[in-house]
Amino acid sequence: PDFFTYGDRFFNIIHTRLRHNCVLNSDLFRCNIINSPLCSCGKLEDTYHYFFTCNKYKEARNIMLNEIFNIVNLNIVNTYVLLWGDNAISVSENKHLFSLFYRYIKGTKRFS
């Protein structure tokens, strides 16, 4: 879709790597690239953990989710929606969703 390439290329690349399970510690561990699947907080670092449960990113997550619910017409935000967008909303709204998600990625400093 058109919105997969929307915005800053650096965040497009991170987003694609998240989408295809090849950037977080659980992904890299599964491929025998690193020795541990754990986040620096001690929990398994997968997309759900990075998006929704890691305490290190609580502030950035709350900002993102509040903005998504206030600005984008979505009732549910889950891992699938953050990775792939939502067919029930417009291309413009998906672009906005992704821009808010990119702001979250930037705010976490996980990939800087």
PDB file of N, CA and C in Angstrom:
ATOM      1  N   PRO A   1       0.819  -1.214   0.000  1.00  0.00           N
ATOM      2  CA  PRO A   1       0.000   0.000   0.000  1.00  0.00           C
ATOM      3  C   PRO A   1       0.853   1.266   0.000  1.00  0.00           C
ATOM      4  N   ASP A   2       0.266   2.308  -0.474  1.00  0.00           N
ATOM      5  CA  ASP A   2       0.918   3.606  -0.586  1.00  0.00           C
ATOM      6  C   ASP A   2       1.485   4.095   0.748  1.00  0.00           C
ATOM      7  N   PHE A   3       0.799   3.812   1.843  1.00  0.00           N
ATOM      8  CA  PHE A   3       1.228   4.342   3.137  1.00  0.00           C
ATOM      9  C   PHE A   3       2.438   3.611   3.713  1.00  0.00           C
ATOM     10  N   PHE A   4       2.858   2.476   3.139  1.00  0.00           N
ATOM     11  CA  PHE A   4       4.056   1.785   3.617  1.00  0.00           C
ATOM     12  C   PHE A   4       5.317   2.602   3.351  1.00  0.00           C
ATOM     13  N   THR A   5       5.279   3.457   2.352  1.00  0.00           N
ATOM     14  CA  THR A   5       6.457   4.264   2.016  1.00  0.00           C
ATOM     15  C   THR A   5       6.288   5.725   2.419  1.00  0.00           C
ATOM     16  N   TYR A   6       5.286   6.006   3.218  1.00  0.00           N
ATOM     17  CA  TYR A   6       5.011   7.375   3.665  1.00  0.00           C
ATOM     18  C   TYR A   6       5.999   7.776   4.758  1.00  0.00           C
ATOM     19  N   GLY A   7       6.491   8.993   4.695  1.00  0.00           N
ATOM     20  CA  GLY A   7       7.322   9.529   5.769  1.00  0.00           C
ATOM     21  C   GLY A   7       8.806   9.271   5.574  1.00  0.00           C
ATOM     22  N   ASP A   8       9.539   9.434   6.655  1.00  0.00           N
ATOM     23  CA  ASP A   8      10.992   9.327   6.673  1.00  0.00           C
ATOM     24  C   ASP A   8      11.447   7.900   6.353  1.00  0.00           C
ATOM     25  N   ARG A   9      12.393   7.776   5.439  1.00  0.00           N
ATOM     26  CA  ARG A   9      12.862   6.454   5.005  1.00  0.00           C
ATOM     27  C   ARG A   9      13.443   5.637   6.156  1.00  0.00           C
ATOM     28  N   PHE A  10      14.165   6.259   7.070  1.00  0.00           N
ATOM     29  CA  PHE A  10      14.723   5.532   8.214  1.00  0.00           C
ATOM     30  C   PHE A  10      13.621   4.792   8.962  1.00  0.00           C
ATOM     31  N   PHE A  11      12.499   5.471   9.214  1.00  0.00           N
ATOM     32  CA  PHE A  11      11.400   4.844   9.944  1.00  0.00           C
ATOM     33  C   PHE A  11      10.655   3.834   9.078  1.00  0.00           C
ATOM     34  N   ASN A  12      10.606   4.061   7.765  1.00  0.00           N
ATOM     35  CA  ASN A  12      10.049   3.046   6.860  1.00  0.00           C
ATOM     36  C   ASN A  12      10.826   1.743   6.984  1.00  0.00           C
ATOM     37  N   ILE A  13      12.147   1.852   7.039  1.00  0.00           N
ATOM     38  CA  ILE A  13      13.002   0.663   7.134  1.00  0.00           C
ATOM     39  C   ILE A  13      12.790  -0.051   8.462  1.00  0.00           C
ATOM     40  N   ILE A  14      12.791   0.687   9.564  1.00  0.00           N
ATOM     41  CA  ILE A  14      12.551   0.073  10.879  1.00  0.00           C
ATOM     42  C   ILE A  14      11.181  -0.590  10.896  1.00  0.00           C
ATOM     43  N   HIS A  15      10.181   0.102  10.376  1.00  0.00           N
ATOM     44  CA  HIS A  15       8.813  -0.419  10.343  1.00  0.00           C
ATOM     45  C   HIS A  15       8.758  -1.723   9.544  1.00  0.00           C
ATOM     46  N   THR A  16       9.410  -1.761   8.408  1.00  0.00           N
ATOM     47  CA  THR A  16       9.442  -2.976   7.593  1.00  0.00           C
ATOM     48  C   THR A  16      10.156  -4.098   8.326  1.00  0.00           C
ATOM     49  N   ARG A  17      11.235  -3.800   8.991  1.00  0.00           N
ATOM     50  CA  ARG A  17      11.945  -4.828   9.768  1.00  0.00           C
ATOM     51  C   ARG A  17      11.068  -5.350  10.906  1.00  0.00           C
ATOM     52  N   LEU A  18      10.333  -4.474  11.556  1.00  0.00           N
ATOM     53  CA  LEU A  18       9.395  -4.919  12.592  1.00  0.00           C
ATOM     54  C   LEU A  18       8.306  -5.794  11.974  1.00  0.00           C
ATOM     55  N   ARG A  19       7.800  -5.371  10.832  1.00  0.00           N
ATOM     56  CA  ARG A  19       6.741  -6.093  10.133  1.00  0.00           C
ATOM     57  C   ARG A  19       7.182  -7.509   9.762  1.00  0.00           C
ATOM     58  N   HIS A  20       8.458  -7.657   9.433  1.00  0.00           N
ATOM     59  CA  HIS A  20       8.968  -8.948   8.965  1.00  0.00           C
ATOM     60  C   HIS A  20       9.811  -9.675  10.014  1.00  0.00           C
ATOM     61  N   ASN A  21       9.675  -9.269  11.267  1.00  0.00           N
ATOM     62  CA  ASN A  21      10.312  -9.967  12.387  1.00  0.00           C
ATOM     63  C   ASN A  21      11.819 -10.147  12.211  1.00  0.00           C
ATOM     64  N   CYS A  22      12.514  -9.049  11.983  1.00  0.00           N
ATOM     65  CA  CYS A  22      13.965  -9.187  11.817  1.00  0.00           C
ATOM     66  C   CYS A  22      14.758  -8.042  12.452  1.00  0.00           C
ATOM     67  N   VAL A  23      14.253  -7.494  13.584  1.00  0.00           N
ATOM     68  CA  VAL A  23      14.985  -6.369  14.171  1.00  0.00           C
ATOM     69  C   VAL A  23      15.048  -6.407  15.702  1.00  0.00           C
ATOM     70  N   LEU A  24      14.075  -7.009  16.355  1.00  0.00           N
ATOM     71  CA  LEU A  24      14.066  -7.042  17.820  1.00  0.00           C
ATOM     72  C   LEU A  24      14.868  -8.245  18.326  1.00  0.00           C
ATOM     73  N   ASN A  25      15.200  -8.237  19.610  1.00  0.00           N
ATOM     74  CA  ASN A  25      16.062  -9.278  20.161  1.00  0.00           C
ATOM     75  C   ASN A  25      15.501 -10.681  19.990  1.00  0.00           C
ATOM     76  N   SER A  26      14.199 -10.870  20.139  1.00  0.00           N
ATOM     77  CA  SER A  26      13.639 -12.216  19.946  1.00  0.00           C
ATOM     78  C   SER A  26      13.831 -12.678  18.504  1.00  0.00           C
ATOM     79  N   ASP A  27      13.737 -11.752  17.549  1.00  0.00           N
ATOM     80  CA  ASP A  27      13.948 -12.077  16.133  1.00  0.00           C
ATOM     81  C   ASP A  27      15.406 -12.460  15.882  1.00  0.00           C
ATOM     82  N   LEU A  28      16.304 -11.641  16.384  1.00  0.00           N
ATOM     83  CA  LEU A  28      17.731 -11.864  16.162  1.00  0.00           C
ATOM     84  C   LEU A  28      18.213 -13.120  16.875  1.00  0.00           C
ATOM     85  N   PHE A  29      17.664 -13.408  18.049  1.00  0.00           N
ATOM     86  CA  PHE A  29      18.004 -14.624  18.784  1.00  0.00           C
ATOM     87  C   PHE A  29      17.554 -15.859  18.011  1.00  0.00           C
ATOM     88  N   ARG A  30      16.352 -15.806  17.457  1.00  0.00           N
ATOM     89  CA  ARG A  30      15.803 -16.926  16.689  1.00  0.00           C
ATOM     90  C   ARG A  30      16.692 -17.251  15.479  1.00  0.00           C
ATOM     91  N   CYS A  31      17.375 -16.252  14.955  1.00  0.00           N
ATOM     92  CA  CYS A  31      18.272 -16.442  13.801  1.00  0.00           C
ATOM     93  C   CYS A  31      19.719 -16.691  14.226  1.00  0.00           C
ATOM     94  N   ASN A  32      19.947 -16.895  15.527  1.00  0.00           N
ATOM     95  CA  ASN A  32      21.285 -17.133  16.083  1.00  0.00           C
ATOM     96  C   ASN A  32      22.256 -15.985  15.817  1.00  0.00           C
ATOM     97  N   ILE A  33      21.743 -14.765  15.838  1.00  0.00           N
ATOM     98  CA  ILE A  33      22.584 -13.585  15.627  1.00  0.00           C
ATOM     99  C   ILE A  33      23.047 -13.005  16.958  1.00  0.00           C
ATOM    100  N   ILE A  34      22.181 -13.093  17.981  1.00  0.00           N
ATOM    101  CA  ILE A  34      22.548 -12.638  19.324  1.00  0.00           C
ATOM    102  C   ILE A  34      22.285 -13.762  20.319  1.00  0.00           C
ATOM    103  N   ASN A  35      22.795 -13.616  21.541  1.00  0.00           N
ATOM    104  CA  ASN A  35      22.725 -14.682  22.537  1.00  0.00           C
ATOM    105  C   ASN A  35      21.483 -14.680  23.409  1.00  0.00           C
ATOM    106  N   SER A  36      20.684 -13.623  23.373  1.00  0.00           N
ATOM    107  CA  SER A  36      19.527 -13.548  24.259  1.00  0.00           C
ATOM    108  C   SER A  36      18.344 -12.882  23.559  1.00  0.00           C
ATOM    109  N   PRO A  37      17.134 -13.422  23.776  1.00  0.00           N
ATOM    110  CA  PRO A  37      15.931 -12.812  23.203  1.00  0.00           C
ATOM    111  C   PRO A  37      15.343 -11.710  24.077  1.00  0.00           C
ATOM    112  N   LEU A  38      16.033 -11.377  25.169  1.00  0.00           N
ATOM    113  CA  LEU A  38      15.459 -10.480  26.161  1.00  0.00           C
ATOM    114  C   LEU A  38      15.722  -9.009  25.862  1.00  0.00           C
ATOM    115  N   CYS A  39      14.759  -8.203  26.243  1.00  0.00           N
ATOM    116  CA  CYS A  39      14.871  -6.751  26.241  1.00  0.00           C
ATOM    117  C   CYS A  39      15.810  -6.354  27.382  1.00  0.00           C
ATOM    118  N   SER A  40      16.309  -5.158  27.359  1.00  0.00           N
ATOM    119  CA  SER A  40      17.159  -4.699  28.463  1.00  0.00           C
ATOM    120  C   SER A  40      16.397  -4.635  29.785  1.00  0.00           C
ATOM    121  N   CYS A  41      15.054  -4.676  29.734  1.00  0.00           N
ATOM    122  CA  CYS A  41      14.249  -4.701  30.962  1.00  0.00           C
ATOM    123  C   CYS A  41      14.125  -6.114  31.530  1.00  0.00           C
ATOM    124  N   GLY A  42      14.603  -7.124  30.790  1.00  0.00           N
ATOM    125  CA  GLY A  42      14.578  -8.497  31.267  1.00  0.00           C
ATOM    126  C   GLY A  42      13.449  -9.355  30.717  1.00  0.00           C
ATOM    127  N   LYS A  43      12.533  -8.785  29.971  1.00  0.00           N
ATOM    128  CA  LYS A  43      11.409  -9.533  29.379  1.00  0.00           C
ATOM    129  C   LYS A  43      11.728  -9.883  27.927  1.00  0.00           C
ATOM    130  N   LEU A  44      11.008 -10.875  27.394  1.00  0.00           N
ATOM    131  CA  LEU A  44      11.155 -11.250  25.993  1.00  0.00           C
ATOM    132  C   LEU A  44      10.836 -10.049  25.110  1.00  0.00           C
ATOM    133  N   GLU A  45      11.769  -9.685  24.233  1.00  0.00           N
ATOM    134  CA  GLU A  45      11.553  -8.518  23.378  1.00  0.00           C
ATOM    135  C   GLU A  45      10.992  -8.962  22.027  1.00  0.00           C
ATOM    136  N   ASP A  46       9.679  -8.924  21.930  1.00  0.00           N
ATOM    137  CA  ASP A  46       9.000  -9.148  20.660  1.00  0.00           C
ATOM    138  C   ASP A  46       8.191  -7.899  20.336  1.00  0.00           C
ATOM    139  N   THR A  47       7.474  -7.908  19.210  1.00  0.00           N
ATOM    140  CA  THR A  47       6.753  -6.695  18.819  1.00  0.00           C
ATOM    141  C   THR A  47       5.703  -6.304  19.844  1.00  0.00           C
ATOM    142  N   TYR A  48       4.986  -7.270  20.403  1.00  0.00           N
ATOM    143  CA  TYR A  48       3.960  -6.934  21.390  1.00  0.00           C
ATOM    144  C   TYR A  48       4.601  -6.247  22.597  1.00  0.00           C
ATOM    145  N   HIS A  49       5.698  -6.802  23.063  1.00  0.00           N
ATOM    146  CA  HIS A  49       6.398  -6.208  24.208  1.00  0.00           C
ATOM    147  C   HIS A  49       6.858  -4.785  23.875  1.00  0.00           C
ATOM    148  N   TYR A  50       7.490  -4.618  22.720  1.00  0.00           N
ATOM    149  CA  TYR A  50       7.990  -3.293  22.329  1.00  0.00           C
ATOM    150  C   TYR A  50       6.850  -2.292  22.167  1.00  0.00           C
ATOM    151  N   PHE A  51       5.747  -2.702  21.562  1.00  0.00           N
ATOM    152  CA  PHE A  51       4.633  -1.783  21.316  1.00  0.00           C
ATOM    153  C   PHE A  51       3.806  -1.491  22.562  1.00  0.00           C
ATOM    154  N   PHE A  52       3.563  -2.514  23.397  1.00  0.00           N
ATOM    155  CA  PHE A  52       2.510  -2.373  24.403  1.00  0.00           C
ATOM    156  C   PHE A  52       2.889  -2.613  25.860  1.00  0.00           C
ATOM    157  N   THR A  53       3.997  -3.271  26.172  1.00  0.00           N
ATOM    158  CA  THR A  53       4.198  -3.623  27.583  1.00  0.00           C
ATOM    159  C   THR A  53       5.511  -3.180  28.220  1.00  0.00           C
ATOM    160  N   CYS A  54       6.534  -2.867  27.446  1.00  0.00           N
ATOM    161  CA  CYS A  54       7.818  -2.519  28.053  1.00  0.00           C
ATOM    162  C   CYS A  54       7.687  -1.214  28.846  1.00  0.00           C
ATOM    163  N   ASN A  55       8.049  -1.292  30.114  1.00  0.00           N
ATOM    164  CA  ASN A  55       7.949  -0.114  30.982  1.00  0.00           C
ATOM    165  C   ASN A  55       8.887   1.014  30.556  1.00  0.00           C
ATOM    166  N   LYS A  56       9.964   0.677  29.846  1.00  0.00           N
ATOM    167  CA  LYS A  56      10.908   1.706  29.392  1.00  0.00           C
ATOM    168  C   LYS A  56      10.252   2.681  28.421  1.00  0.00           C
ATOM    169  N   TYR A  57       9.211   2.234  27.726  1.00  0.00           N
ATOM    170  CA  TYR A  57       8.591   3.041  26.678  1.00  0.00           C
ATOM    171  C   TYR A  57       7.180   3.500  27.042  1.00  0.00           C
ATOM    172  N   LYS A  58       6.851   3.438  28.313  1.00  0.00           N
ATOM    173  CA  LYS A  58       5.491   3.750  28.763  1.00  0.00           C
ATOM    174  C   LYS A  58       5.047   5.162  28.367  1.00  0.00           C
ATOM    175  N   GLU A  59       5.897   6.149  28.590  1.00  0.00           N
ATOM    176  CA  GLU A  59       5.516   7.532  28.285  1.00  0.00           C
ATOM    177  C   GLU A  59       5.286   7.724  26.783  1.00  0.00           C
ATOM    178  N   ALA A  60       6.224   7.250  25.973  1.00  0.00           N
ATOM    179  CA  ALA A  60       6.076   7.373  24.513  1.00  0.00           C
ATOM    180  C   ALA A  60       4.843   6.614  24.033  1.00  0.00           C
ATOM    181  N   ARG A  61       4.591   5.444  24.613  1.00  0.00           N
ATOM    182  CA  ARG A  61       3.427   4.632  24.240  1.00  0.00           C
ATOM    183  C   ARG A  61       2.130   5.350  24.580  1.00  0.00           C
ATOM    184  N   ASN A  62       2.040   5.917  25.770  1.00  0.00           N
ATOM    185  CA  ASN A  62       0.816   6.621  26.167  1.00  0.00           C
ATOM    186  C   ASN A  62       0.530   7.800  25.244  1.00  0.00           C
ATOM    187  N   ILE A  63       1.571   8.532  24.884  1.00  0.00           N
ATOM    188  CA  ILE A  63       1.400   9.651  23.953  1.00  0.00           C
ATOM    189  C   ILE A  63       0.877   9.135  22.622  1.00  0.00           C
ATOM    190  N   MET A  64       1.517   8.081  22.088  1.00  0.00           N
ATOM    191  CA  MET A  64       1.100   7.534  20.797  1.00  0.00           C
ATOM    192  C   MET A  64      -0.351   7.065  20.836  1.00  0.00           C
ATOM    193  N   LEU A  65      -0.707   6.267  21.827  1.00  0.00           N
ATOM    194  CA  LEU A  65      -2.063   5.714  21.881  1.00  0.00           C
ATOM    195  C   LEU A  65      -3.107   6.807  22.064  1.00  0.00           C
ATOM    196  N   ASN A  66      -2.832   7.792  22.908  1.00  0.00           N
ATOM    197  CA  ASN A  66      -3.777   8.903  23.075  1.00  0.00           C
ATOM    198  C   ASN A  66      -3.980   9.650  21.767  1.00  0.00           C
ATOM    199  N   GLU A  67      -2.899   9.909  21.054  1.00  0.00           N
ATOM    200  CA  GLU A  67      -3.015  10.613  19.779  1.00  0.00           C
ATOM    201  C   GLU A  67      -3.751   9.773  18.745  1.00  0.00           C
ATOM    202  N   ILE A  68      -3.479   8.476  18.719  1.00  0.00           N
ATOM    203  CA  ILE A  68      -4.178   7.607  17.767  1.00  0.00           C
ATOM    204  C   ILE A  68      -5.675   7.630  18.033  1.00  0.00           C
ATOM    205  N   PHE A  69      -6.070   7.456  19.276  1.00  0.00           N
ATOM    206  CA  PHE A  69      -7.503   7.415  19.584  1.00  0.00           C
ATOM    207  C   PHE A  69      -8.175   8.771  19.404  1.00  0.00           C
ATOM    208  N   ASN A  70      -7.432   9.860  19.577  1.00  0.00           N
ATOM    209  CA  ASN A  70      -8.007  11.194  19.416  1.00  0.00           C
ATOM    210  C   ASN A  70      -8.032  11.685  17.976  1.00  0.00           C
ATOM    211  N   ILE A  71      -7.104  11.218  17.160  1.00  0.00           N
ATOM    212  CA  ILE A  71      -6.962  11.771  15.820  1.00  0.00           C
ATOM    213  C   ILE A  71      -7.399  10.806  14.729  1.00  0.00           C
ATOM    214  N   VAL A  72      -7.012   9.553  14.847  1.00  0.00           N
ATOM    215  CA  VAL A  72      -7.339   8.557  13.830  1.00  0.00           C
ATOM    216  C   VAL A  72      -8.600   7.828  14.264  1.00  0.00           C
ATOM    217  N   ASN A  73      -9.487   7.569  13.328  1.00  0.00           N
ATOM    218  CA  ASN A  73     -10.778   6.943  13.626  1.00  0.00           C
ATOM    219  C   ASN A  73     -10.630   5.432  13.801  1.00  0.00           C
ATOM    220  N   LEU A  74     -10.000   5.019  14.903  1.00  0.00           N
ATOM    221  CA  LEU A  74      -9.818   3.598  15.196  1.00  0.00           C
ATOM    222  C   LEU A  74     -10.421   3.271  16.547  1.00  0.00           C
ATOM    223  N   ASN A  75     -11.046   2.111  16.635  1.00  0.00           N
ATOM    224  CA  ASN A  75     -11.578   1.639  17.913  1.00  0.00           C
ATOM    225  C   ASN A  75     -10.587   0.730  18.621  1.00  0.00           C
ATOM    226  N   ILE A  76      -9.774   0.032  17.848  1.00  0.00           N
ATOM    227  CA  ILE A  76      -8.817  -0.925  18.400  1.00  0.00           C
ATOM    228  C   ILE A  76      -7.447  -0.657  17.797  1.00  0.00           C
ATOM    229  N   VAL A  77      -6.434  -0.654  18.643  1.00  0.00           N
ATOM    230  CA  VAL A  77      -5.057  -0.586  18.167  1.00  0.00           C
ATOM    231  C   VAL A  77      -4.367  -1.839  18.683  1.00  0.00           C
ATOM    232  N   ASN A  78      -3.872  -2.641  17.761  1.00  0.00           N
ATOM    233  CA  ASN A  78      -3.156  -3.851  18.132  1.00  0.00           C
ATOM    234  C   ASN A  78      -1.880  -3.945  17.301  1.00  0.00           C
ATOM    235  N   THR A  79      -1.127  -5.007  17.521  1.00  0.00           N
ATOM    236  CA  THR A  79       0.133  -5.174  16.809  1.00  0.00           C
ATOM    237  C   THR A  79      -0.079  -5.165  15.305  1.00  0.00           C
ATOM    238  N   TYR A  80      -1.098  -5.873  14.834  1.00  0.00           N
ATOM    239  CA  TYR A  80      -1.364  -5.946  13.397  1.00  0.00           C
ATOM    240  C   TYR A  80      -1.606  -4.558  12.804  1.00  0.00           C
ATOM    241  N   VAL A  81      -2.432  -3.768  13.458  1.00  0.00           N
ATOM    242  CA  VAL A  81      -2.755  -2.429  12.953  1.00  0.00           C
ATOM    243  C   VAL A  81      -1.505  -1.550  12.906  1.00  0.00           C
ATOM    244  N   LEU A  82      -0.671  -1.611  13.932  1.00  0.00           N
ATOM    245  CA  LEU A  82       0.544  -0.795  13.931  1.00  0.00           C
ATOM    246  C   LEU A  82       1.531  -1.242  12.854  1.00  0.00           C
ATOM    247  N   LEU A  83       1.554  -2.538  12.565  1.00  0.00           N
ATOM    248  CA  LEU A  83       2.490  -3.040  11.562  1.00  0.00           C
ATOM    249  C   LEU A  83       1.984  -2.893  10.135  1.00  0.00           C
ATOM    250  N   TRP A  84       0.701  -3.172   9.928  1.00  0.00           N
ATOM    251  CA  TRP A  84       0.170  -3.293   8.574  1.00  0.00           C
ATOM    252  C   TRP A  84      -0.862  -2.239   8.202  1.00  0.00           C
ATOM    253  N   GLY A  85      -1.323  -1.450   9.167  1.00  0.00           N
ATOM    254  CA  GLY A  85      -2.388  -0.495   8.893  1.00  0.00           C
ATOM    255  C   GLY A  85      -3.742  -1.162   9.036  1.00  0.00           C
ATOM    256  N   ASP A  86      -4.781  -0.439   8.661  1.00  0.00           N
ATOM    257  CA  ASP A  86      -6.147  -0.939   8.821  1.00  0.00           C
ATOM    258  C   ASP A  86      -6.946  -0.623   7.563  1.00  0.00           C
ATOM    259  N   ASN A  87      -7.494  -1.655   6.930  1.00  0.00           N
ATOM    260  CA  ASN A  87      -8.284  -1.471   5.704  1.00  0.00           C
ATOM    261  C   ASN A  87      -9.581  -0.715   5.948  1.00  0.00           C
ATOM    262  N   ALA A  88     -10.015  -0.635   7.200  1.00  0.00           N
ATOM    263  CA  ALA A  88     -11.279   0.038   7.516  1.00  0.00           C
ATOM    264  C   ALA A  88     -11.144   1.560   7.543  1.00  0.00           C
ATOM    265  N   ILE A  89      -9.915   2.060   7.503  1.00  0.00           N
ATOM    266  CA  ILE A  89      -9.716   3.510   7.490  1.00  0.00           C
ATOM    267  C   ILE A  89      -9.059   3.916   6.168  1.00  0.00           C
ATOM    268  N   SER A  90      -9.092   5.188   5.877  1.00  0.00           N
ATOM    269  CA  SER A  90      -8.585   5.694   4.597  1.00  0.00           C
ATOM    270  C   SER A  90      -7.055   5.632   4.527  1.00  0.00           C
ATOM    271  N   VAL A  91      -6.544   5.769   3.322  1.00  0.00           N
ATOM    272  CA  VAL A  91      -5.093   5.846   3.118  1.00  0.00           C
ATOM    273  C   VAL A  91      -4.528   7.019   3.909  1.00  0.00           C
ATOM    274  N   SER A  92      -5.215   8.142   3.880  1.00  0.00           N
ATOM    275  CA  SER A  92      -4.778   9.324   4.620  1.00  0.00           C
ATOM    276  C   SER A  92      -4.697   9.038   6.121  1.00  0.00           C
ATOM    277  N   GLU A  93      -5.706   8.356   6.659  1.00  0.00           N
ATOM    278  CA  GLU A  93      -5.692   8.018   8.090  1.00  0.00           C
ATOM    279  C   GLU A  93      -4.597   6.999   8.400  1.00  0.00           C
ATOM    280  N   ASN A  94      -4.351   6.056   7.501  1.00  0.00           N
ATOM    281  CA  ASN A  94      -3.255   5.109   7.704  1.00  0.00           C
ATOM    282  C   ASN A  94      -1.913   5.831   7.696  1.00  0.00           C
ATOM    283  N   LYS A  95      -1.748   6.800   6.825  1.00  0.00           N
ATOM    284  CA  LYS A  95      -0.518   7.598   6.820  1.00  0.00           C
ATOM    285  C   LYS A  95      -0.349   8.325   8.152  1.00  0.00           C
ATOM    286  N   HIS A  96      -1.433   8.870   8.647  1.00  0.00           N
ATOM    287  CA  HIS A  96      -1.381   9.567   9.938  1.00  0.00           C
ATOM    288  C   HIS A  96      -1.046   8.575  11.051  1.00  0.00           C
ATOM    289  N   LEU A  97      -1.677   7.409  11.030  1.00  0.00           N
ATOM    290  CA  LEU A  97      -1.382   6.354  12.002  1.00  0.00           C
ATOM    291  C   LEU A  97       0.105   6.017  11.978  1.00  0.00           C
ATOM    292  N   PHE A  98       0.650   5.820  10.790  1.00  0.00           N
ATOM    293  CA  PHE A  98       2.061   5.467  10.679  1.00  0.00           C
ATOM    294  C   PHE A  98       2.957   6.612  11.143  1.00  0.00           C
ATOM    295  N   SER A  99       2.577   7.850  10.876  1.00  0.00           N
ATOM    296  CA  SER A  99       3.404   8.970  11.341  1.00  0.00           C
ATOM    297  C   SER A  99       3.426   9.028  12.868  1.00  0.00           C
ATOM    298  N   LEU A 100       2.299   8.705  13.509  1.00  0.00           N
ATOM    299  CA  LEU A 100       2.264   8.651  14.976  1.00  0.00           C
ATOM    300  C   LEU A 100       3.107   7.492  15.491  1.00  0.00           C
ATOM    301  N   PHE A 101       3.065   6.375  14.791  1.00  0.00           N
ATOM    302  CA  PHE A 101       3.881   5.224  15.168  1.00  0.00           C
ATOM    303  C   PHE A 101       5.367   5.546  14.998  1.00  0.00           C
ATOM    304  N   TYR A 102       5.721   6.259  13.930  1.00  0.00           N
ATOM    305  CA  TYR A 102       7.118   6.638  13.726  1.00  0.00           C
ATOM    306  C   TYR A 102       7.592   7.580  14.826  1.00  0.00           C
ATOM    307  N   ARG A 103       6.707   8.443  15.273  1.00  0.00           N
ATOM    308  CA  ARG A 103       7.055   9.324  16.390  1.00  0.00           C
ATOM    309  C   ARG A 103       7.316   8.494  17.652  1.00  0.00           C
ATOM    310  N   TYR A 104       6.528   7.425  17.842  1.00  0.00           N
ATOM    311  CA  TYR A 104       6.756   6.506  18.966  1.00  0.00           C
ATOM    312  C   TYR A 104       8.138   5.859  18.842  1.00  0.00           C
ATOM    313  N   ILE A 105       8.446   5.325  17.661  1.00  0.00           N
ATOM    314  CA  ILE A 105       9.747   4.687  17.447  1.00  0.00           C
ATOM    315  C   ILE A 105      10.868   5.674  17.775  1.00  0.00           C
ATOM    316  N   LYS A 106      10.747   6.889  17.278  1.00  0.00           N
ATOM    317  CA  LYS A 106      11.757   7.919  17.546  1.00  0.00           C
ATOM    318  C   LYS A 106      11.845   8.215  19.037  1.00  0.00           C
ATOM    319  N   GLY A 107      10.689   8.315  19.700  1.00  0.00           N
ATOM    320  CA  GLY A 107      10.652   8.636  21.121  1.00  0.00           C
ATOM    321  C   GLY A 107      11.251   7.558  22.008  1.00  0.00           C
ATOM    322  N   THR A 108      11.173   6.299  21.578  1.00  0.00           N
ATOM    323  CA  THR A 108      11.732   5.217  22.393  1.00  0.00           C
ATOM    324  C   THR A 108      13.254   5.173  22.307  1.00  0.00           C
ATOM    325  N   LYS A 109      13.807   5.710  21.239  1.00  0.00           N
ATOM    326  CA  LYS A 109      15.260   5.688  21.002  1.00  0.00           C
ATOM    327  C   LYS A 109      15.810   4.261  20.940  1.00  0.00           C
ATOM    328  N   ARG A 110      14.945   3.303  20.689  1.00  0.00           N
ATOM    329  CA  ARG A 110      15.361   1.900  20.635  1.00  0.00           C
ATOM    330  C   ARG A 110      16.291   1.634  19.453  1.00  0.00           C
ATOM    331  N   PHE A 111      16.122   2.357  18.372  1.00  0.00           N
ATOM    332  CA  PHE A 111      16.882   2.085  17.152  1.00  0.00           C
ATOM    333  C   PHE A 111      17.834   3.217  16.776  1.00  0.00           C
ATOM    334  N   SER A 112      18.197   4.061  17.756  1.00  0.00           N
ATOM    335  CA  SER A 112      19.094   5.176  17.428  1.00  0.00           C
ATOM    336  C   SER A 112      20.535   4.834  17.731  1.00  0.00           C
TER     337      SER A 112
END
